[in-house]
Amino acid sequence: MTDHDQPRTERPYDRRELRSAPSLVLVNTGHGKGKSTAAFGTLLRSRGRDWPTAVVQFLKSGKWRTGEEAMLRQLGVEWFSAGDGFSWESDDLDESRAKAVAAWAFTRRLIEAGEHRMVMLDEISYPMNWGWIDPGDVASTLSERPEDVSVFLTGREMPQAVIDTVTEMVNVKHPFEQGIRARRGIDY
């Protein structure tokens, strides 16, 4: 018999040993589906507590019309789409790189200003992994952020320099593998 076969009858931790933190750095990474989706759920929680909240998307452009953007904007989340789409669709990767660099400069100022209690950096791992944004600079900004600013980072293969509280999404089975494209209302 394993721990999963029976319900727990005792608390698995001592509450007196727990402490509170004014903010967290959260990371959703991995090759499975749901990294951004789960982070958007946390943004809903943040807005439900009336926290000033912002999203910076590093790949998606303002041309995307996603359900999460529509709803979160209605709830008062500030939304910044700073990219120009998937790298394989870019006509000019130098321009894509420049947009990512500008998005990071904007994001650094946004975090340092301390006006948002939650800031989501959607798909930031890609420009860091491509050498467009320095992971060390991101890590430094995160460690020096104002005390009550939480930051949520998403994207595959998150650089170790920014790893903190991490959830890794693992692909077990995905419709794309059967040739099924992303669905409006489910994937965006």
N, C-alpha and C. Protein backbone atom coordinates (compact mmCIF):
# COMPACT_ATOMS: atom_id res chain seq x y z
N MET A 1 0.83 -1.18 0.00
CA MET A 1 0.00 0.00 0.00
C MET A 1 0.88 1.25 0.00
N THR A 2 0.50 2.25 -0.82
CA THR A 2 1.27 3.49 -0.89
C THR A 2 0.50 4.62 -0.21
N ASP A 3 1.16 5.76 -0.09
CA ASP A 3 0.53 6.95 0.50
C ASP A 3 -0.70 7.39 -0.28
N HIS A 4 -0.77 7.04 -1.56
CA HIS A 4 -1.88 7.49 -2.40
C HIS A 4 -3.12 6.62 -2.25
N ASP A 5 -3.00 5.45 -1.61
CA ASP A 5 -4.12 4.53 -1.48
C ASP A 5 -5.10 4.91 -0.39
N GLN A 6 -4.66 5.71 0.55
CA GLN A 6 -5.51 6.06 1.69
C GLN A 6 -5.48 7.57 1.93
N PRO A 7 -6.60 8.13 2.41
CA PRO A 7 -6.57 9.55 2.75
C PRO A 7 -5.70 9.79 3.98
N ARG A 8 -5.08 10.94 4.04
CA ARG A 8 -4.25 11.28 5.20
C ARG A 8 -5.15 11.53 6.40
N THR A 9 -4.67 11.13 7.53
CA THR A 9 -5.40 11.38 8.77
C THR A 9 -4.66 12.37 9.66
N GLU A 10 -3.43 12.71 9.27
CA GLU A 10 -2.64 13.70 10.01
C GLU A 10 -2.09 14.73 9.03
N ARG A 11 -1.99 15.97 9.49
CA ARG A 11 -1.43 17.05 8.67
C ARG A 11 0.03 16.71 8.36
N PRO A 12 0.45 16.84 7.08
CA PRO A 12 1.82 16.46 6.70
C PRO A 12 2.89 17.51 7.02
N TYR A 13 2.51 18.57 7.71
CA TYR A 13 3.47 19.62 8.07
C TYR A 13 3.03 20.26 9.38
N ASP A 14 3.96 20.95 9.99
CA ASP A 14 3.67 21.67 11.24
C ASP A 14 3.47 23.15 10.89
N ARG A 15 2.28 23.66 11.10
CA ARG A 15 1.97 25.06 10.77
C ARG A 15 2.93 26.04 11.43
N ARG A 16 3.39 25.73 12.61
CA ARG A 16 4.28 26.64 13.34
C ARG A 16 5.63 26.80 12.65
N GLU A 17 5.98 25.87 11.77
CA GLU A 17 7.25 25.94 11.06
C GLU A 17 7.15 26.77 9.78
N LEU A 18 5.95 27.15 9.39
CA LEU A 18 5.75 27.92 8.17
C LEU A 18 5.88 29.41 8.44
N ARG A 19 6.39 30.15 7.46
CA ARG A 19 6.49 31.60 7.57
C ARG A 19 5.86 32.22 6.34
N SER A 20 5.62 33.47 6.39
CA SER A 20 5.01 34.19 5.28
C SER A 20 6.09 34.93 4.49
N ALA A 21 5.88 35.02 3.18
CA ALA A 21 6.77 35.81 2.31
C ALA A 21 5.94 36.91 1.68
N PRO A 22 6.47 38.12 1.57
CA PRO A 22 5.70 39.22 0.99
C PRO A 22 5.44 39.05 -0.51
N SER A 23 6.29 38.27 -1.20
CA SER A 23 6.11 38.04 -2.63
C SER A 23 6.87 36.79 -3.04
N LEU A 24 6.59 36.32 -4.25
CA LEU A 24 7.26 35.13 -4.78
C LEU A 24 7.64 35.34 -6.24
N VAL A 25 8.62 34.57 -6.69
CA VAL A 25 8.91 34.42 -8.12
C VAL A 25 8.45 33.02 -8.47
N LEU A 26 7.52 32.93 -9.41
CA LEU A 26 6.92 31.65 -9.82
C LEU A 26 7.32 31.36 -11.26
N VAL A 27 7.56 30.09 -11.57
CA VAL A 27 7.96 29.70 -12.92
C VAL A 27 7.15 28.48 -13.35
N ASN A 28 6.52 28.58 -14.52
CA ASN A 28 5.91 27.42 -15.17
C ASN A 28 6.72 27.14 -16.42
N THR A 29 7.32 25.96 -16.48
CA THR A 29 8.17 25.61 -17.60
C THR A 29 7.90 24.16 -18.00
N GLY A 30 8.61 23.68 -19.00
CA GLY A 30 8.44 22.30 -19.46
C GLY A 30 7.83 22.26 -20.84
N HIS A 31 7.71 21.05 -21.38
CA HIS A 31 7.22 20.87 -22.74
C HIS A 31 5.74 20.53 -22.78
N GLY A 32 5.10 20.44 -21.63
CA GLY A 32 3.68 20.14 -21.58
C GLY A 32 2.83 21.38 -21.76
N LYS A 33 1.56 21.14 -22.04
CA LYS A 33 0.57 22.20 -22.23
C LYS A 33 0.16 22.79 -20.89
N GLY A 34 -0.15 24.09 -20.87
CA GLY A 34 -0.76 24.69 -19.70
C GLY A 34 0.10 25.65 -18.90
N LYS A 35 1.29 25.98 -19.36
CA LYS A 35 2.17 26.89 -18.60
C LYS A 35 1.53 28.26 -18.43
N SER A 36 1.16 28.87 -19.55
CA SER A 36 0.53 30.20 -19.48
C SER A 36 -0.86 30.10 -18.87
N THR A 37 -1.60 29.07 -19.24
CA THR A 37 -2.96 28.90 -18.74
C THR A 37 -2.99 28.87 -17.22
N ALA A 38 -2.10 28.11 -16.62
CA ALA A 38 -2.04 28.04 -15.15
C ALA A 38 -1.64 29.39 -14.55
N ALA A 39 -0.71 30.08 -15.20
CA ALA A 39 -0.30 31.39 -14.71
C ALA A 39 -1.47 32.39 -14.79
N PHE A 40 -2.26 32.30 -15.85
CA PHE A 40 -3.43 33.18 -15.95
C PHE A 40 -4.41 32.90 -14.81
N GLY A 41 -4.51 31.65 -14.39
CA GLY A 41 -5.35 31.33 -13.23
C GLY A 41 -4.87 32.04 -11.98
N THR A 42 -3.55 32.12 -11.81
CA THR A 42 -3.00 32.83 -10.66
C THR A 42 -3.28 34.33 -10.79
N LEU A 43 -3.23 34.86 -12.02
CA LEU A 43 -3.58 36.28 -12.21
C LEU A 43 -5.03 36.54 -11.80
N LEU A 44 -5.92 35.59 -12.08
CA LEU A 44 -7.31 35.73 -11.64
C LEU A 44 -7.38 35.84 -10.12
N ARG A 45 -6.60 35.02 -9.45
CA ARG A 45 -6.56 35.09 -7.98
C ARG A 45 -6.06 36.46 -7.53
N SER A 46 -5.02 36.94 -8.18
CA SER A 46 -4.45 38.25 -7.83
C SER A 46 -5.49 39.35 -8.00
N ARG A 47 -6.18 39.34 -9.12
CA ARG A 47 -7.21 40.36 -9.35
C ARG A 47 -8.38 40.19 -8.38
N GLY A 48 -8.67 38.94 -8.03
CA GLY A 48 -9.72 38.69 -7.05
C GLY A 48 -9.40 39.30 -5.69
N ARG A 49 -8.14 39.55 -5.43
CA ARG A 49 -7.69 40.21 -4.20
C ARG A 49 -7.43 41.69 -4.43
N ASP A 50 -7.87 42.20 -5.58
CA ASP A 50 -7.71 43.60 -5.97
C ASP A 50 -6.26 44.03 -6.12
N TRP A 51 -5.38 43.09 -6.44
CA TRP A 51 -3.99 43.45 -6.68
C TRP A 51 -3.86 44.11 -8.06
N PRO A 52 -3.10 45.19 -8.16
CA PRO A 52 -2.74 45.70 -9.49
C PRO A 52 -1.88 44.63 -10.18
N THR A 53 -2.25 44.28 -11.40
CA THR A 53 -1.66 43.14 -12.09
C THR A 53 -1.35 43.50 -13.54
N ALA A 54 -0.25 42.96 -14.07
CA ALA A 54 0.13 43.23 -15.46
C ALA A 54 0.66 41.96 -16.12
N VAL A 55 0.50 41.90 -17.44
CA VAL A 55 1.04 40.82 -18.28
C VAL A 55 1.92 41.46 -19.34
N VAL A 56 3.12 40.91 -19.53
CA VAL A 56 3.97 41.28 -20.66
C VAL A 56 4.21 40.01 -21.45
N GLN A 57 3.77 40.01 -22.71
CA GLN A 57 3.97 38.86 -23.59
C GLN A 57 5.17 39.13 -24.48
N PHE A 58 6.14 38.22 -24.44
CA PHE A 58 7.40 38.44 -25.15
C PHE A 58 7.39 37.94 -26.58
N LEU A 59 6.45 37.08 -26.96
CA LEU A 59 6.39 36.62 -28.34
C LEU A 59 5.12 37.07 -29.05
N LYS A 60 4.00 37.01 -28.38
CA LYS A 60 2.74 37.33 -29.03
C LYS A 60 2.64 38.82 -29.31
N SER A 61 2.05 39.12 -30.45
CA SER A 61 1.88 40.51 -30.85
C SER A 61 0.46 40.96 -30.50
N GLY A 62 0.19 42.21 -30.71
CA GLY A 62 -1.13 42.75 -30.49
C GLY A 62 -2.17 42.21 -31.47
N LYS A 63 -1.73 41.47 -32.50
CA LYS A 63 -2.66 40.89 -33.49
C LYS A 63 -3.40 39.68 -32.93
N TRP A 64 -2.83 39.04 -31.92
CA TRP A 64 -3.49 37.87 -31.34
C TRP A 64 -4.75 38.33 -30.62
N ARG A 65 -5.80 37.60 -30.73
CA ARG A 65 -7.04 37.88 -30.01
C ARG A 65 -7.35 36.65 -29.16
N THR A 66 -6.86 36.66 -27.94
CA THR A 66 -7.03 35.51 -27.07
C THR A 66 -8.13 35.74 -26.06
N GLY A 67 -8.76 34.66 -25.65
CA GLY A 67 -9.81 34.74 -24.64
C GLY A 67 -9.29 35.25 -23.32
N GLU A 68 -8.09 34.80 -22.94
CA GLU A 68 -7.54 35.24 -21.65
C GLU A 68 -7.27 36.74 -21.64
N GLU A 69 -6.78 37.28 -22.74
CA GLU A 69 -6.55 38.72 -22.79
C GLU A 69 -7.88 39.47 -22.68
N ALA A 70 -8.89 39.04 -23.42
CA ALA A 70 -10.19 39.72 -23.39
C ALA A 70 -10.75 39.75 -21.97
N MET A 71 -10.74 38.63 -21.29
CA MET A 71 -11.32 38.57 -19.95
C MET A 71 -10.47 39.30 -18.91
N LEU A 72 -9.16 39.09 -18.94
CA LEU A 72 -8.31 39.72 -17.94
C LEU A 72 -8.28 41.24 -18.10
N ARG A 73 -8.35 41.74 -19.32
CA ARG A 73 -8.45 43.19 -19.51
C ARG A 73 -9.74 43.72 -18.87
N GLN A 74 -10.84 42.98 -19.05
CA GLN A 74 -12.11 43.39 -18.44
C GLN A 74 -11.99 43.45 -16.92
N LEU A 75 -11.14 42.61 -16.37
CA LEU A 75 -10.96 42.56 -14.91
C LEU A 75 -9.92 43.57 -14.42
N GLY A 76 -9.35 44.35 -15.33
CA GLY A 76 -8.42 45.40 -14.93
C GLY A 76 -6.95 45.04 -15.01
N VAL A 77 -6.61 43.91 -15.64
CA VAL A 77 -5.21 43.54 -15.82
C VAL A 77 -4.63 44.39 -16.95
N GLU A 78 -3.49 45.03 -16.70
CA GLU A 78 -2.80 45.77 -17.76
C GLU A 78 -2.08 44.76 -18.66
N TRP A 79 -2.21 44.91 -19.96
CA TRP A 79 -1.74 43.90 -20.91
C TRP A 79 -0.82 44.54 -21.93
N PHE A 80 0.37 43.97 -22.10
CA PHE A 80 1.35 44.49 -23.03
C PHE A 80 1.84 43.34 -23.91
N SER A 81 1.45 43.34 -25.18
CA SER A 81 1.93 42.36 -26.15
C SER A 81 3.10 42.98 -26.88
N ALA A 82 4.29 42.47 -26.63
CA ALA A 82 5.50 43.15 -27.08
C ALA A 82 6.23 42.45 -28.22
N GLY A 83 5.79 41.26 -28.60
CA GLY A 83 6.50 40.51 -29.62
C GLY A 83 5.90 40.69 -31.00
N ASP A 84 6.37 39.86 -31.93
CA ASP A 84 5.81 39.89 -33.28
C ASP A 84 5.44 38.50 -33.77
N GLY A 85 5.22 37.57 -32.84
CA GLY A 85 4.77 36.24 -33.22
C GLY A 85 5.85 35.19 -33.13
N PHE A 86 5.53 34.02 -33.65
CA PHE A 86 6.46 32.89 -33.62
C PHE A 86 7.71 33.21 -34.42
N SER A 87 8.86 32.74 -33.95
CA SER A 87 10.12 33.05 -34.63
C SER A 87 10.14 32.54 -36.06
N TRP A 88 9.51 31.40 -36.32
CA TRP A 88 9.54 30.83 -37.68
C TRP A 88 8.65 31.62 -38.65
N GLU A 89 7.83 32.53 -38.13
CA GLU A 89 7.00 33.37 -38.98
C GLU A 89 7.61 34.76 -39.18
N SER A 90 8.73 35.03 -38.54
CA SER A 90 9.33 36.37 -38.60
C SER A 90 9.98 36.60 -39.96
N ASP A 91 9.76 37.80 -40.48
CA ASP A 91 10.43 38.22 -41.71
C ASP A 91 11.79 38.83 -41.41
N ASP A 92 12.01 39.20 -40.14
CA ASP A 92 13.23 39.89 -39.75
C ASP A 92 13.55 39.57 -38.29
N LEU A 93 14.40 38.58 -38.06
CA LEU A 93 14.72 38.17 -36.69
C LEU A 93 15.48 39.26 -35.93
N ASP A 94 16.18 40.14 -36.64
CA ASP A 94 16.83 41.27 -35.96
C ASP A 94 15.77 42.18 -35.35
N GLU A 95 14.68 42.41 -36.08
CA GLU A 95 13.57 43.22 -35.56
C GLU A 95 12.89 42.50 -34.40
N SER A 96 12.73 41.18 -34.51
CA SER A 96 12.14 40.40 -33.42
C SER A 96 13.00 40.52 -32.16
N ARG A 97 14.30 40.42 -32.36
CA ARG A 97 15.23 40.57 -31.23
C ARG A 97 15.11 41.96 -30.61
N ALA A 98 15.07 42.98 -31.43
CA ALA A 98 14.95 44.36 -30.92
C ALA A 98 13.67 44.53 -30.12
N LYS A 99 12.58 43.92 -30.57
CA LYS A 99 11.33 44.01 -29.82
C LYS A 99 11.46 43.32 -28.46
N ALA A 100 12.14 42.18 -28.42
CA ALA A 100 12.33 41.47 -27.14
C ALA A 100 13.20 42.28 -26.19
N VAL A 101 14.25 42.90 -26.71
CA VAL A 101 15.13 43.74 -25.89
C VAL A 101 14.34 44.92 -25.33
N ALA A 102 13.54 45.56 -26.17
CA ALA A 102 12.73 46.69 -25.72
C ALA A 102 11.68 46.22 -24.70
N ALA A 103 11.11 45.04 -24.93
CA ALA A 103 10.12 44.50 -23.98
C ALA A 103 10.76 44.24 -22.63
N TRP A 104 12.00 43.75 -22.61
CA TRP A 104 12.66 43.51 -21.33
C TRP A 104 12.97 44.84 -20.63
N ALA A 105 13.43 45.85 -21.37
CA ALA A 105 13.71 47.15 -20.75
C ALA A 105 12.43 47.72 -20.14
N PHE A 106 11.32 47.62 -20.85
CA PHE A 106 10.03 48.08 -20.33
C PHE A 106 9.65 47.28 -19.08
N THR A 107 9.83 45.96 -19.15
CA THR A 107 9.44 45.08 -18.04
C THR A 107 10.28 45.36 -16.80
N ARG A 108 11.57 45.57 -16.98
CA ARG A 108 12.44 45.89 -15.84
C ARG A 108 11.93 47.14 -15.13
N ARG A 109 11.60 48.17 -15.89
CA ARG A 109 11.06 49.40 -15.29
C ARG A 109 9.72 49.14 -14.62
N LEU A 110 8.89 48.32 -15.22
CA LEU A 110 7.58 47.98 -14.67
C LEU A 110 7.72 47.30 -13.31
N ILE A 111 8.64 46.35 -13.22
CA ILE A 111 8.88 45.64 -11.95
C ILE A 111 9.48 46.60 -10.92
N GLU A 112 10.50 47.33 -11.32
CA GLU A 112 11.17 48.24 -10.39
C GLU A 112 10.24 49.33 -9.85
N ALA A 113 9.26 49.75 -10.63
CA ALA A 113 8.32 50.79 -10.20
C ALA A 113 7.47 50.32 -9.02
N GLY A 114 7.26 49.02 -8.91
CA GLY A 114 6.54 48.48 -7.77
C GLY A 114 5.06 48.82 -7.72
N GLU A 115 4.48 49.18 -8.84
CA GLU A 115 3.07 49.56 -8.85
C GLU A 115 2.13 48.37 -9.02
N HIS A 116 2.67 47.23 -9.41
CA HIS A 116 1.88 46.01 -9.61
C HIS A 116 2.31 44.97 -8.58
N ARG A 117 1.36 44.31 -7.96
CA ARG A 117 1.70 43.26 -7.00
C ARG A 117 1.96 41.93 -7.71
N MET A 118 1.48 41.79 -8.96
CA MET A 118 1.74 40.58 -9.75
C MET A 118 2.04 41.01 -11.17
N VAL A 119 3.18 40.52 -11.70
CA VAL A 119 3.57 40.78 -13.08
C VAL A 119 3.87 39.43 -13.73
N MET A 120 3.20 39.15 -14.82
CA MET A 120 3.43 37.90 -15.55
C MET A 120 4.29 38.19 -16.77
N LEU A 121 5.35 37.40 -16.94
CA LEU A 121 6.26 37.51 -18.07
C LEU A 121 6.04 36.28 -18.94
N ASP A 122 5.11 36.39 -19.88
CA ASP A 122 4.68 35.25 -20.68
C ASP A 122 5.68 34.95 -21.79
N GLU A 123 6.16 33.73 -21.80
CA GLU A 123 7.08 33.21 -22.81
C GLU A 123 8.43 33.94 -22.82
N ILE A 124 8.86 34.37 -21.65
CA ILE A 124 10.16 35.07 -21.55
C ILE A 124 11.34 34.12 -21.71
N SER A 125 11.13 32.82 -21.52
CA SER A 125 12.27 31.89 -21.63
C SER A 125 12.89 31.90 -23.02
N TYR A 126 12.06 32.05 -24.05
CA TYR A 126 12.58 31.96 -25.41
C TYR A 126 13.61 33.05 -25.71
N PRO A 127 13.30 34.34 -25.53
CA PRO A 127 14.34 35.34 -25.82
C PRO A 127 15.56 35.22 -24.91
N MET A 128 15.39 34.69 -23.70
CA MET A 128 16.58 34.45 -22.86
C MET A 128 17.42 33.34 -23.45
N ASN A 129 16.78 32.25 -23.87
CA ASN A 129 17.51 31.11 -24.42
C ASN A 129 18.18 31.44 -25.75
N TRP A 130 17.60 32.36 -26.52
CA TRP A 130 18.17 32.74 -27.80
C TRP A 130 19.27 33.78 -27.67
N GLY A 131 19.57 34.21 -26.43
CA GLY A 131 20.61 35.19 -26.22
C GLY A 131 20.17 36.62 -26.47
N TRP A 132 18.88 36.85 -26.59
CA TRP A 132 18.37 38.21 -26.84
C TRP A 132 18.25 38.99 -25.54
N ILE A 133 17.95 38.31 -24.45
CA ILE A 133 17.83 38.93 -23.13
C ILE A 133 18.76 38.16 -22.20
N ASP A 134 19.52 38.86 -21.39
CA ASP A 134 20.47 38.24 -20.47
C ASP A 134 19.74 37.65 -19.26
N PRO A 135 19.78 36.32 -19.09
CA PRO A 135 19.13 35.71 -17.92
C PRO A 135 19.68 36.25 -16.60
N GLY A 136 20.96 36.62 -16.57
CA GLY A 136 21.55 37.19 -15.35
C GLY A 136 20.91 38.52 -14.99
N ASP A 137 20.62 39.33 -16.01
CA ASP A 137 19.95 40.61 -15.78
C ASP A 137 18.53 40.38 -15.27
N VAL A 138 17.84 39.39 -15.85
CA VAL A 138 16.48 39.06 -15.39
C VAL A 138 16.55 38.59 -13.94
N ALA A 139 17.49 37.68 -13.64
CA ALA A 139 17.62 37.16 -12.26
C ALA A 139 17.92 38.28 -11.28
N SER A 140 18.79 39.20 -11.66
CA SER A 140 19.14 40.33 -10.79
C SER A 140 17.91 41.22 -10.54
N THR A 141 17.16 41.50 -11.58
CA THR A 141 15.96 42.32 -11.44
C THR A 141 14.96 41.63 -10.52
N LEU A 142 14.82 40.31 -10.66
CA LEU A 142 13.88 39.57 -9.82
C LEU A 142 14.32 39.59 -8.36
N SER A 143 15.61 39.41 -8.13
CA SER A 143 16.08 39.37 -6.74
C SER A 143 16.04 40.74 -6.07
N GLU A 144 16.11 41.81 -6.87
CA GLU A 144 16.09 43.17 -6.33
C GLU A 144 14.73 43.84 -6.45
N ARG A 145 13.71 43.09 -6.84
CA ARG A 145 12.38 43.67 -7.03
C ARG A 145 11.83 44.21 -5.71
N PRO A 146 10.88 45.15 -5.79
CA PRO A 146 10.25 45.63 -4.56
C PRO A 146 9.64 44.47 -3.77
N GLU A 147 9.62 44.61 -2.48
CA GLU A 147 9.27 43.52 -1.57
C GLU A 147 7.92 42.86 -1.85
N ASP A 148 6.92 43.62 -2.28
CA ASP A 148 5.60 43.03 -2.45
C ASP A 148 5.22 42.80 -3.91
N VAL A 149 6.21 42.72 -4.81
CA VAL A 149 5.95 42.44 -6.22
C VAL A 149 6.28 40.97 -6.51
N SER A 150 5.25 40.20 -6.82
CA SER A 150 5.44 38.82 -7.26
C SER A 150 5.55 38.81 -8.78
N VAL A 151 6.35 37.89 -9.31
CA VAL A 151 6.56 37.81 -10.75
C VAL A 151 6.38 36.35 -11.17
N PHE A 152 5.64 36.14 -12.26
CA PHE A 152 5.37 34.81 -12.79
C PHE A 152 5.98 34.73 -14.17
N LEU A 153 6.89 33.77 -14.40
CA LEU A 153 7.56 33.59 -15.68
C LEU A 153 7.07 32.30 -16.32
N THR A 154 6.84 32.33 -17.66
CA THR A 154 6.44 31.12 -18.36
C THR A 154 7.32 30.90 -19.58
N GLY A 155 7.35 29.66 -20.03
CA GLY A 155 8.05 29.29 -21.26
C GLY A 155 8.84 28.01 -21.08
N ARG A 156 9.11 27.36 -22.18
CA ARG A 156 9.87 26.11 -22.16
C ARG A 156 11.33 26.37 -21.80
N GLU A 157 11.94 25.37 -21.18
CA GLU A 157 13.38 25.38 -20.90
C GLU A 157 13.84 26.68 -20.23
N MET A 158 13.21 26.99 -19.12
CA MET A 158 13.54 28.23 -18.39
C MET A 158 15.00 28.18 -17.93
N PRO A 159 15.77 29.22 -18.17
CA PRO A 159 17.16 29.24 -17.73
C PRO A 159 17.29 29.09 -16.21
N GLN A 160 18.28 28.36 -15.77
CA GLN A 160 18.50 28.10 -14.35
C GLN A 160 18.65 29.38 -13.53
N ALA A 161 19.18 30.42 -14.14
CA ALA A 161 19.42 31.67 -13.40
C ALA A 161 18.14 32.25 -12.80
N VAL A 162 16.98 31.97 -13.41
CA VAL A 162 15.73 32.56 -12.93
C VAL A 162 14.82 31.55 -12.24
N ILE A 163 15.30 30.35 -12.04
CA ILE A 163 14.49 29.30 -11.41
C ILE A 163 14.32 29.60 -9.93
N ASP A 164 13.08 29.57 -9.47
CA ASP A 164 12.75 29.77 -8.06
C ASP A 164 11.67 28.76 -7.69
N THR A 165 10.44 29.18 -7.50
CA THR A 165 9.33 28.27 -7.26
C THR A 165 8.87 27.78 -8.63
N VAL A 166 9.08 26.49 -8.94
CA VAL A 166 8.92 25.98 -10.29
C VAL A 166 7.89 24.87 -10.37
N THR A 167 7.06 24.95 -11.40
CA THR A 167 6.22 23.83 -11.80
C THR A 167 6.63 23.48 -13.22
N GLU A 168 6.90 22.20 -13.45
CA GLU A 168 7.25 21.76 -14.79
C GLU A 168 6.08 21.00 -15.39
N MET A 169 5.60 21.48 -16.51
CA MET A 169 4.52 20.81 -17.23
C MET A 169 5.14 19.75 -18.11
N VAL A 170 4.68 18.51 -17.98
CA VAL A 170 5.22 17.39 -18.73
C VAL A 170 4.19 16.95 -19.76
N ASN A 171 4.62 16.82 -21.01
CA ASN A 171 3.73 16.37 -22.06
C ASN A 171 3.56 14.85 -21.95
N VAL A 172 2.35 14.41 -21.72
CA VAL A 172 2.03 12.98 -21.70
C VAL A 172 1.40 12.61 -23.04
N LYS A 173 0.42 13.37 -23.47
CA LYS A 173 -0.23 13.19 -24.76
C LYS A 173 -0.84 14.53 -25.14
N HIS A 174 -0.68 14.93 -26.39
CA HIS A 174 -1.17 16.25 -26.83
C HIS A 174 -1.86 16.10 -28.18
N PRO A 175 -3.00 16.78 -28.38
CA PRO A 175 -3.71 16.69 -29.66
C PRO A 175 -2.85 17.09 -30.87
N PHE A 176 -1.91 18.01 -30.68
CA PHE A 176 -1.05 18.44 -31.79
C PHE A 176 -0.31 17.26 -32.41
N GLU A 177 0.02 16.27 -31.57
CA GLU A 177 0.73 15.07 -32.06
C GLU A 177 -0.13 14.25 -33.01
N GLN A 178 -1.46 14.43 -32.95
CA GLN A 178 -2.38 13.75 -33.86
C GLN A 178 -2.80 14.68 -35.00
N GLY A 179 -2.09 15.80 -35.14
CA GLY A 179 -2.37 16.74 -36.22
C GLY A 179 -3.54 17.68 -35.95
N ILE A 180 -3.91 17.85 -34.69
CA ILE A 180 -5.02 18.73 -34.32
C ILE A 180 -4.45 20.10 -33.93
N ARG A 181 -4.93 21.14 -34.59
CA ARG A 181 -4.44 22.49 -34.32
C ARG A 181 -5.04 23.06 -33.04
N ALA A 182 -4.45 24.14 -32.55
CA ALA A 182 -4.92 24.82 -31.34
C ALA A 182 -6.36 25.28 -31.55
N ARG A 183 -7.17 25.16 -30.49
CA ARG A 183 -8.58 25.51 -30.55
C ARG A 183 -8.88 26.79 -29.82
N ARG A 184 -9.63 27.67 -30.50
CA ARG A 184 -10.13 28.90 -29.87
C ARG A 184 -11.01 28.51 -28.68
N GLY A 185 -10.82 29.20 -27.55
CA GLY A 185 -11.60 28.90 -26.36
C GLY A 185 -10.97 27.83 -25.48
N ILE A 186 -10.04 27.06 -26.01
CA ILE A 186 -9.33 26.06 -25.23
C ILE A 186 -7.85 26.40 -25.12
N ASP A 187 -7.23 26.69 -26.24
CA ASP A 187 -5.79 26.97 -26.27
C ASP A 187 -5.47 28.46 -26.32
N TYR A 188 -6.41 29.27 -26.72
CA TYR A 188 -6.19 30.72 -26.77
C TYR A 188 -7.51 31.45 -26.75
